[in-house]
Amino acid sequence: MAECTNCSAEVPEGVKFCPNCGAPTEAAAQAPPPG
């Protein structure tokens, strides 16, 4: 499990937004840009 950088909640791997606070996670930051 990853840790949310915003609220420190546990976030499952591959999830794009924290289920606790909704902040974007590392998985969202690593997504390739569209196009």
N, C-alpha and C. Protein backbone atom coordinates (compact mmCIF):
# COMPACT_ATOMS: atom_id res chain seq x y z
N MET A 1 0.84 -1.20 0.00
CA MET A 1 0.00 0.00 0.00
C MET A 1 0.87 1.25 0.00
N ALA A 2 0.39 2.24 -0.71
CA ALA A 2 1.08 3.53 -0.74
C ALA A 2 0.47 4.42 0.35
N GLU A 3 1.11 5.54 0.60
CA GLU A 3 0.60 6.49 1.58
C GLU A 3 0.28 7.80 0.89
N CYS A 4 -0.88 8.36 1.18
CA CYS A 4 -1.29 9.64 0.60
C CYS A 4 -0.34 10.74 1.08
N THR A 5 0.16 11.52 0.13
CA THR A 5 1.07 12.61 0.49
C THR A 5 0.32 13.78 1.12
N ASN A 6 -1.00 13.80 0.98
CA ASN A 6 -1.79 14.90 1.52
C ASN A 6 -2.28 14.62 2.94
N CYS A 7 -2.84 13.41 3.16
CA CYS A 7 -3.45 13.12 4.47
C CYS A 7 -2.82 11.92 5.18
N SER A 8 -1.86 11.25 4.54
CA SER A 8 -1.15 10.10 5.11
C SER A 8 -2.00 8.85 5.26
N ALA A 9 -3.16 8.81 4.63
CA ALA A 9 -3.98 7.61 4.66
C ALA A 9 -3.37 6.54 3.77
N GLU A 10 -3.70 5.27 4.03
CA GLU A 10 -3.22 4.20 3.18
C GLU A 10 -4.03 4.19 1.88
N VAL A 11 -3.31 4.13 0.75
CA VAL A 11 -3.95 4.14 -0.56
C VAL A 11 -3.51 2.89 -1.31
N PRO A 12 -4.46 2.08 -1.82
CA PRO A 12 -4.07 0.88 -2.57
C PRO A 12 -3.23 1.23 -3.79
N GLU A 13 -2.29 0.36 -4.15
CA GLU A 13 -1.44 0.58 -5.32
C GLU A 13 -2.30 0.70 -6.57
N GLY A 14 -1.95 1.64 -7.44
CA GLY A 14 -2.64 1.80 -8.71
C GLY A 14 -3.85 2.71 -8.65
N VAL A 15 -4.26 3.12 -7.44
CA VAL A 15 -5.40 4.01 -7.30
C VAL A 15 -4.95 5.43 -7.59
N LYS A 16 -5.73 6.17 -8.38
CA LYS A 16 -5.30 7.50 -8.82
C LYS A 16 -5.65 8.61 -7.84
N PHE A 17 -6.63 8.36 -6.95
CA PHE A 17 -7.03 9.38 -5.99
C PHE A 17 -7.19 8.75 -4.62
N CYS A 18 -6.81 9.48 -3.60
CA CYS A 18 -6.92 9.00 -2.23
C CYS A 18 -8.39 8.79 -1.87
N PRO A 19 -8.75 7.60 -1.37
CA PRO A 19 -10.14 7.36 -0.99
C PRO A 19 -10.57 8.15 0.24
N ASN A 20 -9.61 8.67 0.99
CA ASN A 20 -9.92 9.42 2.20
C ASN A 20 -10.15 10.91 1.91
N CYS A 21 -9.21 11.53 1.17
CA CYS A 21 -9.30 12.98 0.95
C CYS A 21 -9.48 13.37 -0.51
N GLY A 22 -9.29 12.41 -1.44
CA GLY A 22 -9.50 12.70 -2.85
C GLY A 22 -8.31 13.32 -3.56
N ALA A 23 -7.19 13.45 -2.87
CA ALA A 23 -6.00 14.04 -3.50
C ALA A 23 -5.42 13.10 -4.55
N PRO A 24 -4.88 13.64 -5.63
CA PRO A 24 -4.21 12.79 -6.63
C PRO A 24 -3.03 12.06 -5.99
N THR A 25 -2.83 10.80 -6.40
CA THR A 25 -1.75 9.99 -5.84
C THR A 25 -0.58 9.90 -6.80
N GLU A 26 0.46 9.17 -6.40
CA GLU A 26 1.62 8.96 -7.27
C GLU A 26 1.21 8.29 -8.58
N ALA A 27 0.24 7.36 -8.53
CA ALA A 27 -0.20 6.67 -9.74
C ALA A 27 -0.78 7.68 -10.73
N ALA A 28 -1.48 8.69 -10.24
CA ALA A 28 -2.04 9.71 -11.12
C ALA A 28 -0.92 10.57 -11.70
N ALA A 29 0.10 10.85 -10.91
CA ALA A 29 1.21 11.69 -11.37
C ALA A 29 2.05 10.98 -12.43
N GLN A 30 2.10 9.65 -12.38
CA GLN A 30 2.92 8.88 -13.30
C GLN A 30 2.19 8.51 -14.59
N ALA A 31 0.91 8.82 -14.70
CA ALA A 31 0.15 8.48 -15.91
C ALA A 31 0.71 9.23 -17.10
N PRO A 32 0.84 8.57 -18.24
CA PRO A 32 1.35 9.28 -19.42
C PRO A 32 0.37 10.33 -19.90
N PRO A 33 0.86 11.42 -20.44
CA PRO A 33 -0.05 12.46 -20.91
C PRO A 33 -0.89 11.97 -22.09
N PRO A 34 -2.13 12.41 -22.19
CA PRO A 34 -2.97 11.98 -23.32
C PRO A 34 -2.41 12.46 -24.65
N GLY A 35 -2.63 11.65 -25.69
CA GLY A 35 -2.19 12.07 -27.01
C GLY A 35 -1.01 11.29 -27.41
